[in-house]
Amino acid sequence: MKKSYVIRFKPLIISLLISLGVGALSGFLTKDSMKIYQSLIQPPLAPPPWVFPVVWTVLYILMGISAYLVFMSHAPEAQKATALTIYALQLAVNFIWPILFFNLGWILFAFFWLLLLIVLIVWMIVLFHRVSPLAAYLQIPYLVWTIFAGYLNLGVYLLNR
């Protein structure tokens, strides 16, 4: 029984390292992002800068747990592979957004990129739900936060053009 726990623990750690690693690398590549963000006129409801790393850390943890649940499920391999492919694709799109917004200053393009991300998140949630409903439900905060990020992104664009 102990061996079974270790076998499950390893994919969980790997899954968490992948999601948190993507977030950490993105954060490293956009390390001056909060200075840039604070220099812009903010829309109403914009949270203080400290909220972003806290929320994103929680969301990346939830992503990692969800991917682990899908990977470990007893669903058909093809179904799991499709769900995890869309997961990887949305993770890549997520990774690129702060580079577009902060490093390149393409604020309007970044908004449309977020719309693509939202579509991919919804698609991922649907596919995850077919494999593991819990994995899908764990992604709802990510979807809500990304929609909120879209509001902030568009607001920043409209207030700073």
Protein backbone atom coordinates (compact mmCIF):
# COMPACT_ATOMS: atom_id res chain seq x y z
CA MET A 1 0.00 0.00 0.00
CA LYS A 2 2.85 2.40 0.74
CA LYS A 3 4.29 1.79 -2.74
CA SER A 4 0.94 2.77 -4.27
CA TYR A 5 1.06 6.11 -2.40
CA VAL A 6 4.59 6.83 -3.66
CA ILE A 7 3.56 6.03 -7.24
CA ARG A 8 0.70 8.51 -6.98
CA PHE A 9 2.79 11.10 -5.18
CA LYS A 10 5.42 11.30 -7.94
CA PRO A 11 2.99 12.30 -10.75
CA LEU A 12 1.39 14.85 -8.41
CA ILE A 13 4.74 16.48 -7.71
CA ILE A 14 5.63 16.45 -11.41
CA SER A 15 2.27 17.97 -12.31
CA LEU A 16 2.66 20.70 -9.69
CA LEU A 17 6.23 21.41 -10.81
CA ILE A 18 5.08 21.82 -14.41
CA SER A 19 2.28 24.28 -13.62
CA LEU A 20 4.20 26.21 -10.96
CA GLY A 21 7.32 26.15 -13.15
CA VAL A 22 5.44 27.76 -16.03
CA GLY A 23 4.16 30.43 -13.65
CA ALA A 24 7.58 31.01 -12.10
CA LEU A 25 9.30 31.29 -15.48
CA SER A 26 6.64 33.69 -16.71
CA GLY A 27 7.05 35.74 -13.54
CA PHE A 28 10.82 35.78 -13.96
CA LEU A 29 10.57 36.94 -17.57
CA THR A 30 8.18 39.73 -16.54
CA LYS A 31 9.77 40.59 -13.18
CA ASP A 32 9.18 44.34 -13.58
CA SER A 33 5.52 43.82 -14.42
CA MET A 34 4.08 45.29 -11.22
CA LYS A 35 6.07 48.51 -11.69
CA ILE A 36 4.72 48.76 -15.22
CA TYR A 37 1.19 47.89 -14.09
CA GLN A 38 1.24 50.50 -11.30
CA SER A 39 2.36 53.18 -13.76
CA LEU A 40 -0.83 52.67 -15.79
CA ILE A 41 -4.24 54.16 -15.07
CA GLN A 42 -6.24 51.33 -13.48
CA PRO A 43 -9.90 50.48 -14.06
CA PRO A 44 -12.31 50.32 -11.13
CA LEU A 45 -11.99 47.12 -9.05
CA ALA A 46 -8.27 46.76 -9.85
CA PRO A 47 -6.72 44.88 -6.92
CA PRO A 48 -3.49 45.94 -5.21
CA PRO A 49 -0.31 44.52 -6.78
CA TRP A 50 0.34 41.95 -4.02
CA VAL A 51 -2.89 40.11 -4.94
CA PHE A 52 -1.63 38.95 -8.34
CA PRO A 53 1.22 36.63 -7.26
CA VAL A 54 -0.91 35.17 -4.47
CA VAL A 55 -3.87 34.43 -6.73
CA TRP A 56 -1.70 33.08 -9.56
CA THR A 57 0.18 30.77 -7.20
CA VAL A 58 -3.10 29.29 -5.97
CA LEU A 59 -4.37 28.95 -9.55
CA TYR A 60 -1.20 27.20 -10.73
CA ILE A 61 -1.49 24.79 -7.79
CA LEU A 62 -5.10 24.05 -8.75
CA MET A 63 -4.01 23.55 -12.37
CA GLY A 64 -1.37 21.06 -11.29
CA ILE A 65 -3.79 19.14 -9.09
CA SER A 66 -6.39 19.06 -11.88
CA ALA A 67 -3.89 17.77 -14.43
CA TYR A 68 -2.82 15.12 -11.93
CA LEU A 69 -6.44 14.02 -11.40
CA VAL A 70 -6.94 13.70 -15.15
CA PHE A 71 -3.65 11.84 -15.59
CA MET A 72 -4.46 9.38 -12.79
CA SER A 73 -8.10 8.82 -13.75
CA HIS A 74 -9.38 5.53 -15.12
CA ALA A 75 -10.78 7.20 -18.23
CA PRO A 76 -9.72 5.94 -21.67
CA GLU A 77 -6.16 6.98 -22.54
CA ALA A 78 -7.26 8.86 -25.68
CA GLN A 79 -9.71 10.94 -23.66
CA LYS A 80 -7.06 11.77 -21.05
CA ALA A 81 -4.51 12.60 -23.77
CA THR A 82 -6.91 15.02 -25.48
CA ALA A 83 -7.74 16.75 -22.19
CA LEU A 84 -4.09 17.05 -21.21
CA THR A 85 -3.15 18.34 -24.67
CA ILE A 86 -5.64 21.20 -24.33
CA TYR A 87 -4.33 21.74 -20.78
CA ALA A 88 -0.79 22.09 -22.15
CA LEU A 89 -1.98 24.41 -24.93
CA GLN A 90 -3.82 26.72 -22.53
CA LEU A 91 -0.78 26.69 -20.23
CA ALA A 92 1.39 27.85 -23.16
CA VAL A 93 -1.10 30.58 -24.09
CA ASN A 94 -1.24 31.62 -20.43
CA PHE A 95 2.58 31.80 -20.33
CA ILE A 96 2.72 34.14 -23.33
CA TRP A 97 0.10 36.66 -22.14
CA PRO A 98 2.27 38.59 -19.62
CA ILE A 99 5.08 38.80 -22.18
CA LEU A 100 2.66 40.37 -24.66
CA PHE A 101 1.18 42.74 -22.09
CA PHE A 102 4.22 43.78 -20.04
CA ASN A 103 7.36 43.11 -22.06
CA LEU A 104 6.04 44.04 -25.49
CA GLY A 105 3.39 46.54 -24.37
CA TRP A 106 0.85 45.07 -26.80
CA ILE A 107 -2.06 45.75 -24.45
CA LEU A 108 -4.90 45.45 -26.96
CA PHE A 109 -3.40 42.37 -28.60
CA ALA A 110 -2.93 40.88 -25.11
CA PHE A 111 -6.67 41.36 -24.50
CA PHE A 112 -7.53 39.32 -27.61
CA TRP A 113 -4.93 36.76 -26.51
CA LEU A 114 -6.82 36.51 -23.20
CA LEU A 115 -10.03 35.86 -25.10
CA LEU A 116 -8.26 32.93 -26.77
CA LEU A 117 -7.11 31.76 -23.34
CA ILE A 118 -10.66 31.94 -21.99
CA VAL A 119 -11.92 29.78 -24.88
CA LEU A 120 -9.15 27.25 -24.20
CA ILE A 121 -9.93 27.20 -20.47
CA VAL A 122 -13.61 26.53 -21.14
CA TRP A 123 -12.66 23.76 -23.59
CA MET A 124 -10.26 22.31 -21.02
CA ILE A 125 -12.94 22.38 -18.32
CA VAL A 126 -15.37 20.53 -20.60
CA LEU A 127 -12.76 17.88 -21.44
CA PHE A 128 -11.62 17.58 -17.82
CA HIS A 129 -15.21 17.12 -16.69
CA ARG A 130 -15.58 14.10 -18.97
CA VAL A 131 -12.55 12.53 -17.30
CA SER A 132 -12.75 13.87 -13.73
CA PRO A 133 -15.49 16.26 -12.63
CA LEU A 134 -13.39 17.36 -9.65
CA ALA A 135 -10.53 18.31 -11.98
CA ALA A 136 -12.98 20.47 -13.95
CA TYR A 137 -14.44 22.14 -10.86
CA LEU A 138 -10.95 23.05 -9.64
CA GLN A 139 -10.52 25.10 -12.83
CA ILE A 140 -13.54 27.35 -12.27
CA PRO A 141 -11.55 29.87 -10.15
CA TYR A 142 -9.01 30.04 -12.99
CA LEU A 143 -11.75 30.77 -15.51
CA VAL A 144 -13.30 33.45 -13.27
CA TRP A 145 -9.92 35.09 -12.60
CA THR A 146 -9.02 35.06 -16.30
CA ILE A 147 -12.33 36.73 -17.19
CA PHE A 148 -11.55 39.33 -14.51
CA ALA A 149 -8.05 39.70 -16.00
CA GLY A 150 -9.72 40.35 -19.35
CA TYR A 151 -11.75 43.15 -17.77
CA LEU A 152 -8.58 44.63 -16.24
CA ASN A 153 -6.65 44.25 -19.52
CA LEU A 154 -9.34 45.96 -21.58
CA GLY A 155 -9.79 48.64 -18.92
CA VAL A 156 -6.07 49.40 -18.89
CA TYR A 157 -6.08 49.64 -22.68
CA LEU A 158 -9.07 52.01 -22.80
CA LEU A 159 -7.76 54.22 -19.98
CA ASN A 160 -4.19 54.47 -21.25
CA ARG A 161 -4.43 54.79 -25.04
